[in-house]
């Protein structure tokens, strides 16, 4: 593409730049790519005004014309909408990875990007050159005239990197005896289809003591050719009561008898969200584990007993504990000291805060705390249990792509894309299998739909619209 003579281009750019003065609100809008907020006093395009009596002067009043800054934003939104149609998914009201614009003087009717077989007519046309990059790292160059009544696509390029925010190549296959699965919200045929697509052999259900429907879920899983892992919590108010341990043990024994392939005894018991404040104690938990494991093995010796996975955290500081939570490594050490290894087949582990490749052990933009990295999290969990394998009862990568901004407390994952999620899950599965120290790899999650203060849907591998890149990535290494 050739530009006009420098003098004309410079003159056009100066004139447009002078006109295209963007207010702070519009600048903020430009950064987010959000849907444009209607200007007070105007009705949004395409929305009927309320049926009210017009003042007498309404007939002589004129709606103020759009400012040049608004004109540029309107052109951007039209270009983004057209891009959505081109790639086959709506981008209206949805964020993109990045975008930029340039005021441009085109020298033909096709804005410098005539399609094959289209004859461009020479002539000056003012407009914009937009570069829009989607979360799969594909960048599109789009040209428009000033009012975007003319939109043309020029080029698209895709960049793959190995940086913390990029996608590393996936090599290898899952080896050894490790098997994969996923936690589900609804065990529907559609969900089973995604699990089959990912070549998962296990399904995880969350249950609680007394839930009479869990045995039916185990049967449904078995019917679909899946083994069921049941993570069982109970009454937090009674969990330190020795008499309640018998109730808990009887319930998990009934699940083992019903054919559960594995049972996780409690969940994140190092937090007062799951255990009474001021009473968090790995020795007490080990007593519950001993009761439960004995009952499970009596009912079904083949059922795998998994210790409840502590929540990965270092928030308690150097001492490792306070009334509200214990650091996971301190908790693991306390379990081992209480003899937990005698009652578990597999050490429960959670890993759900990663933002870099699971092959990295440094480079996290937050810090180098061990729970940030897959390898150091695995080492941290097994350090106190030599000879015992790990069972990842939750492993997942959070991405906001398709949903919008992440809530407070989760913004650390704001730059993770769906492509990152897929690649990192597959890389982690390969690394876990190659370690020879992991028995189960349960993805958190397959199909959760809630995206709010706890953005569970952002972890889901079944994405909005039904795509599942992580399913394909996991299948490729299985």
Protein backbone atom coordinates (compact mmCIF):
# COMPACT_ATOMS: atom_id res chain seq x y z
CA UNK A 1 0.00 0.00 0.00
CA UNK A 2 1.29 3.47 -0.83
CA UNK A 3 0.50 6.48 1.23
CA UNK A 4 -0.24 9.94 -0.15
CA UNK A 5 2.51 12.45 -0.45
CA UNK A 6 3.98 13.17 2.97
CA UNK A 7 2.60 16.70 3.01
CA UNK A 8 -0.97 15.55 2.44
CA UNK A 9 -0.67 12.69 4.92
CA UNK A 10 0.81 14.95 7.55
CA UNK A 11 -1.85 17.60 6.95
CA UNK A 12 -4.64 15.04 7.18
CA UNK A 13 -3.19 13.54 10.35
CA UNK A 14 -2.79 16.95 11.96
CA UNK A 15 -6.34 17.94 11.10
CA UNK A 16 -7.77 14.64 12.34
CA UNK A 17 -5.65 14.68 15.48
CA UNK A 18 -6.86 18.16 16.27
CA UNK A 19 -10.45 17.04 15.86
CA UNK A 20 -10.02 13.63 17.46
CA UNK A 21 -9.63 14.91 20.99
CA UNK A 22 -10.71 12.05 23.24
CA UNK A 23 -12.08 12.72 26.69
CA UNK A 24 -10.68 10.82 29.71
CA UNK A 25 -13.82 8.67 29.74
CA UNK A 26 -13.37 7.78 26.09
CA UNK A 27 -9.69 7.04 26.69
CA UNK A 28 -10.62 4.60 29.44
CA UNK A 29 -13.16 3.06 27.09
CA UNK A 30 -10.48 2.68 24.44
CA UNK A 31 -8.29 0.72 26.81
CA UNK A 32 -10.96 -1.77 27.79
CA UNK A 33 -12.70 -2.17 24.45
CA UNK A 34 -15.96 -2.19 26.41
CA UNK A 35 -19.36 -1.35 25.00
CA UNK A 36 -19.66 2.39 24.63
CA UNK A 37 -21.67 4.15 27.33
CA UNK A 38 -24.41 6.36 25.84
CA UNK A 39 -23.81 10.08 26.29
CA UNK A 40 -26.20 11.57 28.87
CA UNK A 41 -29.15 13.17 27.16
CA UNK A 42 -29.00 10.89 24.10
CA UNK A 43 -30.80 7.68 23.42
CA UNK A 44 -28.52 4.68 22.60
CA UNK A 45 -28.63 3.76 18.92
CA UNK A 46 -31.41 1.33 18.18
CA UNK A 47 -33.21 1.86 21.50
CA UNK A 48 -36.62 3.52 21.46
CA UNK A 49 -37.01 6.60 23.63
CA UNK A 50 -39.54 6.42 26.45
CA UNK A 51 -43.04 7.54 25.44
CA UNK A 52 -43.25 10.87 27.23
CA UNK A 53 -44.70 14.20 26.28
CA UNK A 54 -42.12 16.32 24.45
CA UNK A 55 -41.53 19.88 25.59
CA UNK A 56 -42.66 22.60 23.29
CA UNK A 57 -39.11 23.42 22.20
CA UNK A 58 -38.31 19.82 21.21
CA UNK A 59 -39.26 20.43 17.59
CA UNK A 60 -36.52 23.03 17.21
CA UNK A 61 -33.87 21.19 19.28
CA UNK A 62 -31.11 19.32 17.48
CA UNK A 63 -29.28 16.24 18.77
CA UNK A 64 -25.61 17.21 19.03
CA UNK A 65 -23.49 15.45 16.40
CA UNK A 66 -21.03 12.80 17.50
CA UNK A 67 -17.60 14.15 18.36
CA UNK A 68 -14.61 12.91 16.36
CA UNK A 69 -13.49 10.88 19.37
CA UNK A 70 -16.83 9.14 19.48
CA UNK A 71 -16.63 8.66 15.71
CA UNK A 72 -13.33 6.80 16.06
CA UNK A 73 -14.73 4.58 18.81
CA UNK A 74 -17.82 3.85 16.72
CA UNK A 75 -15.55 2.83 13.86
CA UNK A 76 -13.58 0.58 16.22
CA UNK A 77 -16.70 -1.16 17.51
CA UNK A 78 -17.95 -1.69 13.95
CA UNK A 79 -14.55 -3.10 12.96
CA UNK A 80 -14.58 -5.42 15.99
CA UNK A 81 -18.11 -6.57 15.21
CA UNK A 82 -17.08 -7.33 11.62
CA UNK A 83 -14.05 -9.24 12.91
CA UNK A 84 -16.34 -11.33 15.10
CA UNK A 85 -18.34 -12.34 12.05
CA UNK A 86 -15.15 -13.18 10.20
CA UNK A 87 -13.82 -15.48 12.95
CA UNK A 88 -17.22 -17.02 13.66
CA UNK A 89 -17.86 -15.78 17.21
CA UNK A 90 -19.43 -12.60 18.47
CA UNK A 91 -17.04 -10.01 19.89
CA UNK A 92 -19.76 -7.49 20.71
CA UNK A 93 -19.36 -6.37 24.31
CA UNK A 94 -16.41 -8.72 24.82
CA UNK A 95 -12.80 -7.80 25.50
CA UNK A 96 -9.91 -8.43 23.14
CA UNK A 97 -6.29 -8.95 24.14
CA UNK A 98 -5.24 -5.58 22.73
CA UNK A 99 -6.04 -3.05 20.03
CA UNK A 100 -4.61 0.11 18.58
CA UNK A 101 -5.57 2.62 15.91
CA UNK A 102 -3.87 5.05 13.55
CA UNK A 103 -5.45 7.95 11.67
CA UNK A 104 -4.72 7.23 8.04
CA UNK A 105 -4.94 8.79 4.57
CA UNK A 106 -5.74 6.00 2.11
CA UNK A 107 -5.22 6.59 -1.59
CA UNK A 108 -7.89 4.35 -3.07
CA UNK A 109 -11.48 3.29 -2.63
CA UNK A 110 -10.49 -0.09 -1.11
CA UNK A 111 -8.50 1.59 1.65
CA UNK A 112 -5.24 0.06 0.47
CA UNK A 113 -6.40 -3.57 0.80
CA UNK A 114 -8.34 -4.45 -2.31
CA UNK A 115 -9.61 -8.03 -2.30
CA UNK A 116 -8.64 -10.34 -5.12
CA UNK A 117 -10.57 -9.41 -8.26
CA UNK A 118 -11.71 -6.03 -6.90
CA UNK A 119 -10.55 -2.95 -8.80
CA UNK A 120 -9.68 -0.05 -6.52
CA UNK A 121 -10.41 3.47 -7.69
CA UNK A 122 -7.77 6.09 -7.02
CA UNK A 123 -8.83 8.86 -4.71
CA UNK A 124 -8.25 10.26 -1.25
CA UNK A 125 -10.16 8.52 1.59
CA UNK A 126 -9.65 9.40 5.23
CA UNK A 127 -10.12 6.81 7.94
CA UNK A 128 -8.47 4.50 10.47
CA UNK A 129 -6.11 1.56 10.53
CA UNK A 130 -6.96 -0.75 13.46
CA UNK A 131 -4.78 -3.59 14.76
CA UNK A 132 -6.91 -5.96 16.89
CA UNK A 133 -5.30 -8.89 18.69
CA UNK A 134 -7.51 -11.69 20.02
CA UNK A 135 -6.69 -13.93 22.97
CA UNK A 136 -5.35 -16.66 20.69
CA UNK A 137 -2.59 -14.16 19.79
CA UNK A 138 -3.89 -13.66 16.24
CA UNK A 139 -3.64 -10.01 15.14
CA UNK A 140 -5.84 -8.54 12.42
CA UNK A 141 -5.20 -5.34 10.47
CA UNK A 142 -8.52 -3.71 9.60
CA UNK A 143 -9.03 -0.49 7.64
CA UNK A 144 -12.17 1.65 7.77
CA UNK A 145 -13.27 4.99 6.43
CA UNK A 146 -14.24 7.64 8.99
CA UNK A 147 -17.80 6.43 9.59
CA UNK A 148 -16.89 2.73 9.07
CA UNK A 149 -19.40 2.36 6.26
CA UNK A 150 -16.46 0.74 4.49
CA UNK A 151 -14.48 -1.98 6.34
CA UNK A 152 -11.73 -4.06 4.76
CA UNK A 153 -9.48 -6.78 6.20
CA UNK A 154 -5.82 -6.62 5.27
CA UNK A 155 -3.65 -9.18 7.06
CA UNK A 156 -3.70 -11.52 10.05
CA UNK A 157 -0.72 -12.99 11.87
CA UNK A 158 -0.40 -15.34 14.81
CA UNK A 159 2.44 -15.18 17.30
CA UNK A 160 3.44 -18.06 19.59
CA UNK A 161 5.85 -17.32 22.42
CA UNK A 162 7.34 -19.10 25.37
CA UNK A 163 7.09 -16.20 27.77
CA UNK A 164 5.02 -16.23 30.95
CA UNK A 165 2.04 -14.87 29.04
CA UNK A 166 2.52 -16.98 25.94
CA UNK A 167 2.01 -20.53 24.81
CA UNK A 168 4.87 -23.01 25.09
CA UNK A 169 5.03 -25.97 22.72
CA UNK A 170 3.61 -29.26 24.04
CA UNK A 171 5.86 -32.27 23.69
CA UNK A 172 5.68 -35.80 25.06
CA UNK A 173 2.86 -38.00 26.27
CA UNK A 174 1.37 -38.99 29.60
CA UNK A 175 3.31 -41.98 30.81
CA UNK A 176 3.18 -44.50 33.61
CA UNK A 177 0.02 -45.41 35.49
CA UNK A 178 -1.34 -41.88 35.91
CA UNK A 179 -4.92 -41.32 34.76
CA UNK A 180 -6.80 -38.10 34.05
CA UNK A 181 -10.29 -36.93 34.90
CA UNK A 182 -12.27 -33.81 35.69
CA UNK A 183 -14.63 -32.34 38.26
CA UNK A 184 -18.12 -31.70 36.94
CA UNK A 185 -21.10 -29.58 37.87
CA UNK A 186 -23.61 -31.62 35.83
CA UNK A 187 -22.92 -35.13 34.61
CA UNK A 188 -24.88 -34.65 31.40
CA UNK A 189 -24.30 -36.36 28.08
CA UNK A 190 -22.79 -33.12 26.79
CA UNK A 191 -20.31 -33.08 29.66
CA UNK A 192 -19.49 -36.74 29.13
CA UNK A 193 -18.85 -35.89 25.49
CA UNK A 194 -16.26 -33.30 26.48
CA UNK A 195 -14.62 -35.74 28.87
CA UNK A 196 -14.45 -38.37 26.14
CA UNK A 197 -12.98 -35.75 23.83
CA UNK A 198 -10.22 -35.22 26.42
CA UNK A 199 -9.79 -39.00 26.89
CA UNK A 200 -10.56 -38.72 30.62
CA UNK A 201 -11.11 -41.95 32.55
CA UNK A 202 -12.30 -40.41 35.83
CA UNK A 203 -14.99 -38.02 36.96
CA UNK A 204 -14.97 -36.15 40.27
CA UNK A 205 -18.09 -35.30 42.26
CA UNK A 206 -18.25 -33.17 45.41
CA UNK A 207 -20.54 -34.61 48.09
CA UNK A 208 -21.36 -34.24 51.76
CA UNK A 209 -22.35 -36.64 54.51
CA UNK A 210 -25.93 -37.79 54.11
CA UNK A 211 -26.29 -36.94 50.42
CA UNK A 212 -28.43 -39.79 49.16
CA UNK A 213 -27.89 -39.05 45.48
CA UNK A 214 -24.16 -39.72 45.35
CA UNK A 215 -24.48 -43.49 44.92
CA UNK A 216 -26.58 -42.81 41.82
CA UNK A 217 -23.83 -40.57 40.41
CA UNK A 218 -21.30 -43.37 40.93
CA UNK A 219 -23.56 -45.75 39.01
CA UNK A 220 -24.05 -43.18 36.23
CA UNK A 221 -20.29 -42.67 35.95
CA UNK A 222 -19.68 -46.39 35.73
CA UNK A 223 -22.36 -46.71 33.07
CA UNK A 224 -20.48 -44.14 30.99
CA UNK A 225 -17.21 -45.99 31.44
CA UNK A 226 -15.82 -43.57 34.03
CA UNK A 227 -14.43 -44.23 37.47
CA UNK A 228 -15.79 -41.92 40.16
CA UNK A 229 -13.76 -39.92 42.66
CA UNK A 230 -15.97 -38.58 45.46
CA UNK A 231 -14.66 -35.71 47.57
CA UNK A 232 -16.66 -35.81 50.82
CA UNK A 233 -17.04 -33.00 53.31
CA UNK A 234 -19.37 -32.96 56.30
CA UNK A 235 -20.68 -30.87 59.16
CA UNK A 236 -18.00 -28.32 59.98
CA UNK A 237 -19.58 -27.71 63.40
CA UNK A 238 -19.22 -31.37 64.37
CA UNK A 239 -16.02 -32.40 62.64
CA UNK A 240 -13.91 -32.26 65.79
CA UNK A 241 -16.41 -34.46 67.64
CA UNK A 242 -15.14 -38.06 67.80
CA UNK A 243 -18.71 -39.40 67.69
CA UNK A 244 -19.25 -37.64 64.37
CA UNK A 245 -16.27 -39.44 62.86
CA UNK A 246 -18.28 -42.66 63.03
CA UNK A 247 -21.10 -40.99 61.08
CA UNK A 248 -18.64 -39.74 58.48
CA UNK A 249 -16.92 -43.14 58.24
CA UNK A 250 -20.22 -44.96 57.74
CA UNK A 251 -21.18 -42.62 54.90
CA UNK A 252 -17.90 -42.93 52.98
CA UNK A 253 -18.03 -46.70 53.47
CA UNK A 254 -21.43 -46.72 51.76
CA UNK A 255 -19.92 -44.90 48.79
CA UNK A 256 -17.07 -47.38 48.58
CA UNK A 257 -19.59 -50.20 48.64
CA UNK A 258 -21.52 -48.46 45.84
CA UNK A 259 -18.42 -48.65 43.65
CA UNK A 260 -16.52 -45.39 44.18
CA UNK A 261 -13.11 -45.67 42.58
CA UNK A 262 -11.59 -43.17 45.00
CA UNK A 263 -12.71 -41.12 48.00
CA UNK A 264 -11.12 -37.88 49.17
CA UNK A 265 -11.51 -37.50 52.92
CA UNK A 266 -12.56 -33.85 53.43
CA UNK A 267 -11.32 -30.85 51.49
CA UNK A 268 -9.00 -27.91 52.26
CA UNK A 269 -9.18 -28.60 55.98
CA UNK A 270 -6.34 -26.15 56.62
CA UNK A 271 -8.81 -23.24 56.21
CA UNK A 272 -11.51 -22.12 58.60
CA UNK A 273 -13.88 -22.09 55.63
CA UNK A 274 -13.86 -25.90 55.95
CA UNK A 275 -12.80 -26.49 59.59
CA UNK A 276 -13.69 -24.57 62.79
CA UNK A 277 -11.66 -21.43 63.43
CA UNK A 278 -9.12 -21.95 66.19
CA UNK A 279 -9.40 -25.75 65.95
CA UNK A 280 -7.49 -26.43 62.74
CA UNK A 281 -5.19 -29.31 63.61
CA UNK A 282 -3.65 -31.94 61.33
CA UNK A 283 -3.48 -34.44 64.20
CA UNK A 284 -7.24 -34.18 64.71
CA UNK A 285 -7.81 -34.52 60.98
CA UNK A 286 -5.64 -37.65 60.91
CA UNK A 287 -7.93 -39.27 63.48
CA UNK A 288 -10.87 -38.66 61.14
CA UNK A 289 -8.82 -39.99 58.21
CA UNK A 290 -7.98 -43.17 60.14
CA UNK A 291 -11.65 -43.86 60.91
CA UNK A 292 -12.71 -43.18 57.33
CA UNK A 293 -9.93 -45.21 55.71
CA UNK A 294 -10.61 -48.25 57.87
CA UNK A 295 -14.31 -48.15 56.96
CA UNK A 296 -13.63 -47.60 53.25
CA UNK A 297 -11.22 -50.52 52.98
CA UNK A 298 -13.59 -52.81 54.86
CA UNK A 299 -16.36 -51.97 52.38
CA UNK A 300 -14.23 -52.05 49.23
CA UNK A 301 -10.49 -52.77 49.38
CA UNK A 302 -10.08 -51.45 45.84
CA UNK A 303 -11.27 -47.94 46.60
CA UNK A 304 -8.38 -45.46 46.68
CA UNK A 305 -8.21 -43.44 49.91
CA UNK A 306 -7.02 -39.88 49.26
CA UNK A 307 -6.19 -37.48 52.07
CA UNK A 308 -8.03 -34.17 51.90
CA UNK A 309 -5.97 -31.70 49.89
CA UNK A 310 -5.00 -28.59 51.84
CA UNK A 311 -5.45 -25.25 50.11
CA UNK A 312 -2.06 -24.06 48.79
CA UNK A 313 -1.10 -21.00 50.82
CA UNK A 314 1.72 -19.29 52.63
CA UNK A 315 -0.48 -16.60 54.15
CA UNK A 316 0.17 -17.71 57.73
CA UNK A 317 3.77 -16.53 57.44
CA UNK A 318 6.96 -18.08 58.84
CA UNK A 319 5.16 -19.72 61.78
CA UNK A 320 2.97 -21.62 59.38
CA UNK A 321 -0.27 -21.37 61.32
CA UNK A 322 -2.87 -19.10 62.89
CA UNK A 323 -6.47 -19.65 64.05
CA UNK A 324 -7.90 -19.09 60.57
CA UNK A 325 -5.52 -21.10 58.38
CA UNK A 326 -2.36 -23.14 58.24
CA UNK A 327 0.20 -23.05 55.47
CA UNK A 328 -0.21 -26.21 53.40
CA UNK A 329 3.39 -27.39 53.92
CA UNK A 330 3.08 -26.99 57.68
CA UNK A 331 -0.21 -28.88 57.57
CA UNK A 332 1.28 -31.72 55.51
CA UNK A 333 4.12 -31.99 58.03
CA UNK A 334 1.61 -32.18 60.88
CA UNK A 335 -0.33 -34.94 59.12
CA UNK A 336 2.83 -36.95 58.59
CA UNK A 337 3.86 -36.54 62.22
CA UNK A 338 0.41 -37.84 63.27
CA UNK A 339 0.83 -40.99 61.17
CA UNK A 340 -1.42 -40.09 58.21
CA UNK A 341 0.74 -42.13 55.83
CA UNK A 342 -0.66 -45.28 57.47
CA UNK A 343 -4.18 -44.45 56.34
CA UNK A 344 -3.85 -43.01 52.84
CA UNK A 345 -3.16 -44.50 49.45
CA UNK A 346 -2.60 -41.13 47.84
CA UNK A 347 -1.70 -37.63 49.09
CA UNK A 348 -4.35 -35.11 48.04
CA UNK A 349 -2.98 -32.03 46.28
CA UNK A 350 -4.52 -28.88 44.82
CA UNK A 351 -2.83 -26.64 42.25
CA UNK A 352 -4.91 -23.84 40.81
CA UNK A 353 -2.93 -20.60 40.91
CA UNK A 354 -0.50 -21.07 38.01
CA UNK A 355 0.17 -18.33 35.46
CA UNK A 356 3.30 -19.76 33.82
CA UNK A 357 4.19 -23.00 32.10
CA UNK A 358 4.24 -26.02 34.43
CA UNK A 359 7.78 -26.62 33.15
CA UNK A 360 8.95 -23.40 34.84
CA UNK A 361 10.19 -23.06 38.41
CA UNK A 362 10.78 -19.30 38.24
CA UNK A 363 9.47 -16.29 36.40
CA UNK A 364 6.05 -15.88 38.01
CA UNK A 365 5.33 -12.12 37.90
CA UNK A 366 3.96 -12.18 41.47
CA UNK A 367 6.83 -13.86 43.33
CA UNK A 368 8.64 -17.18 43.55
CA UNK A 369 6.63 -18.75 46.36
CA UNK A 370 6.60 -22.56 45.88
CA UNK A 371 2.82 -22.84 45.39
CA UNK A 372 3.11 -20.73 42.22
CA UNK A 373 4.77 -23.55 40.28
CA UNK A 374 3.59 -27.02 39.41
CA UNK A 375 6.87 -28.83 40.17
CA UNK A 376 7.53 -27.13 43.49
CA UNK A 377 3.90 -27.63 44.57
CA UNK A 378 4.23 -31.36 43.89
CA UNK A 379 7.52 -31.53 45.82
CA UNK A 380 6.01 -29.55 48.69
CA UNK A 381 3.08 -31.97 49.02
CA UNK A 382 5.13 -35.17 48.89
CA UNK A 383 8.12 -34.06 50.95
CA UNK A 384 6.60 -35.47 54.14
CA UNK A 385 5.31 -38.68 52.53
CA UNK A 386 8.20 -40.57 50.92
CA UNK A 387 7.02 -43.47 48.79
CA UNK A 388 3.44 -42.20 48.52
CA UNK A 389 2.00 -40.92 45.22
CA UNK A 390 0.12 -37.67 44.79
CA UNK A 391 -3.46 -37.36 43.59
CA UNK A 392 -4.25 -33.93 42.17
CA UNK A 393 -7.90 -33.69 43.15
CA UNK A 394 -7.94 -30.18 41.69
CA UNK A 395 -5.62 -28.84 39.02
CA UNK A 396 -6.69 -25.97 36.84
CA UNK A 397 -5.74 -22.76 35.09
CA UNK A 398 -7.99 -19.72 35.34
CA UNK A 399 -8.68 -17.56 32.29
CA UNK A 400 -11.19 -14.69 31.98
CA UNK A 401 -11.35 -14.96 28.19
CA UNK A 402 -14.95 -14.74 27.04
CA UNK A 403 -16.26 -13.62 30.43
CA UNK A 404 -14.82 -10.20 31.16
CA UNK A 405 -12.70 -8.84 34.02
CA UNK A 406 -11.84 -11.11 36.93
CA UNK A 407 -13.08 -10.25 40.43
CA UNK A 408 -10.85 -9.01 43.23
CA UNK A 409 -8.51 -11.70 44.47
CA UNK A 410 -8.22 -13.35 41.04
CA UNK A 411 -6.76 -10.61 38.87
CA UNK A 412 -3.42 -12.44 38.85
CA UNK A 413 -4.86 -14.55 36.00
CA UNK A 414 -6.05 -11.64 33.87
CA UNK A 415 -3.49 -12.29 31.11
CA UNK A 416 -4.08 -16.04 30.85
CA UNK A 417 -5.82 -17.03 27.63
CA UNK A 418 -7.82 -20.11 26.65
CA UNK A 419 -4.82 -21.17 24.56
CA UNK A 420 -2.61 -20.85 27.66
CA UNK A 421 -5.06 -22.90 29.69
CA UNK A 422 -5.13 -25.71 27.14
CA UNK A 423 -1.36 -25.84 26.68
CA UNK A 424 -0.56 -25.67 30.39
CA UNK A 425 -2.99 -28.39 31.37
CA UNK A 426 -1.50 -30.69 28.74
CA UNK A 427 2.05 -29.78 29.77
CA UNK A 428 1.22 -30.39 33.43
CA UNK A 429 -0.32 -33.77 32.62
CA UNK A 430 2.82 -34.81 30.73
CA UNK A 431 5.05 -33.58 33.56
CA UNK A 432 2.94 -35.35 36.18
CA UNK A 433 3.01 -38.64 34.30
CA UNK A 434 6.73 -38.37 33.66
CA UNK A 435 7.44 -37.78 37.36
CA UNK A 436 6.22 -41.26 38.27
CA UNK A 437 4.82 -39.73 41.46
CA UNK A 438 1.25 -38.89 40.44
CA UNK A 439 -1.64 -41.37 40.41
CA UNK A 440 -4.60 -39.11 39.50
CA UNK A 441 -4.81 -35.81 37.62
CA UNK A 442 -8.29 -34.32 38.11
CA UNK A 443 -8.88 -31.15 36.11
CA UNK A 444 -10.76 -28.38 37.88
CA UNK A 445 -13.11 -28.13 36.15
CA UNK A 446 -15.03 -29.38 33.13
CA UNK A 447 -18.31 -27.47 33.02
CA UNK A 448 -18.89 -25.06 35.92
CA UNK A 449 -20.99 -22.05 34.88
CA UNK A 450 -20.76 -19.54 37.75
CA UNK A 451 -18.58 -16.51 37.04
CA UNK A 452 -18.74 -14.05 39.91
CA UNK A 453 -16.86 -13.49 43.15
CA UNK A 454 -15.52 -17.03 42.70
CA UNK A 455 -14.96 -17.27 38.91
CA UNK A 456 -15.35 -21.04 38.63
CA UNK A 457 -16.42 -20.85 34.98
CA UNK A 458 -13.07 -19.26 34.20
CA UNK A 459 -11.41 -22.55 35.16
CA UNK A 460 -13.83 -24.61 33.05
CA UNK A 461 -12.33 -26.29 29.99
CA UNK A 462 -15.72 -26.37 28.25
CA UNK A 463 -15.79 -22.73 27.16
CA UNK A 464 -18.63 -20.44 26.17
CA UNK A 465 -19.92 -21.51 22.78
CA UNK A 466 -18.99 -25.15 23.36
CA UNK A 467 -15.32 -25.09 22.36
CA UNK A 468 -12.83 -27.10 24.38
CA UNK A 469 -9.21 -26.52 23.28
CA UNK A 470 -7.99 -28.13 26.52
CA UNK A 471 -9.92 -31.31 25.65
CA UNK A 472 -8.01 -31.55 22.39
CA UNK A 473 -4.70 -30.73 24.06
CA UNK A 474 -5.16 -33.39 26.74
CA UNK A 475 -6.28 -35.95 24.19
CA UNK A 476 -3.18 -35.25 22.11
CA UNK A 477 -0.87 -36.25 24.97
CA UNK A 478 -2.96 -39.15 26.29
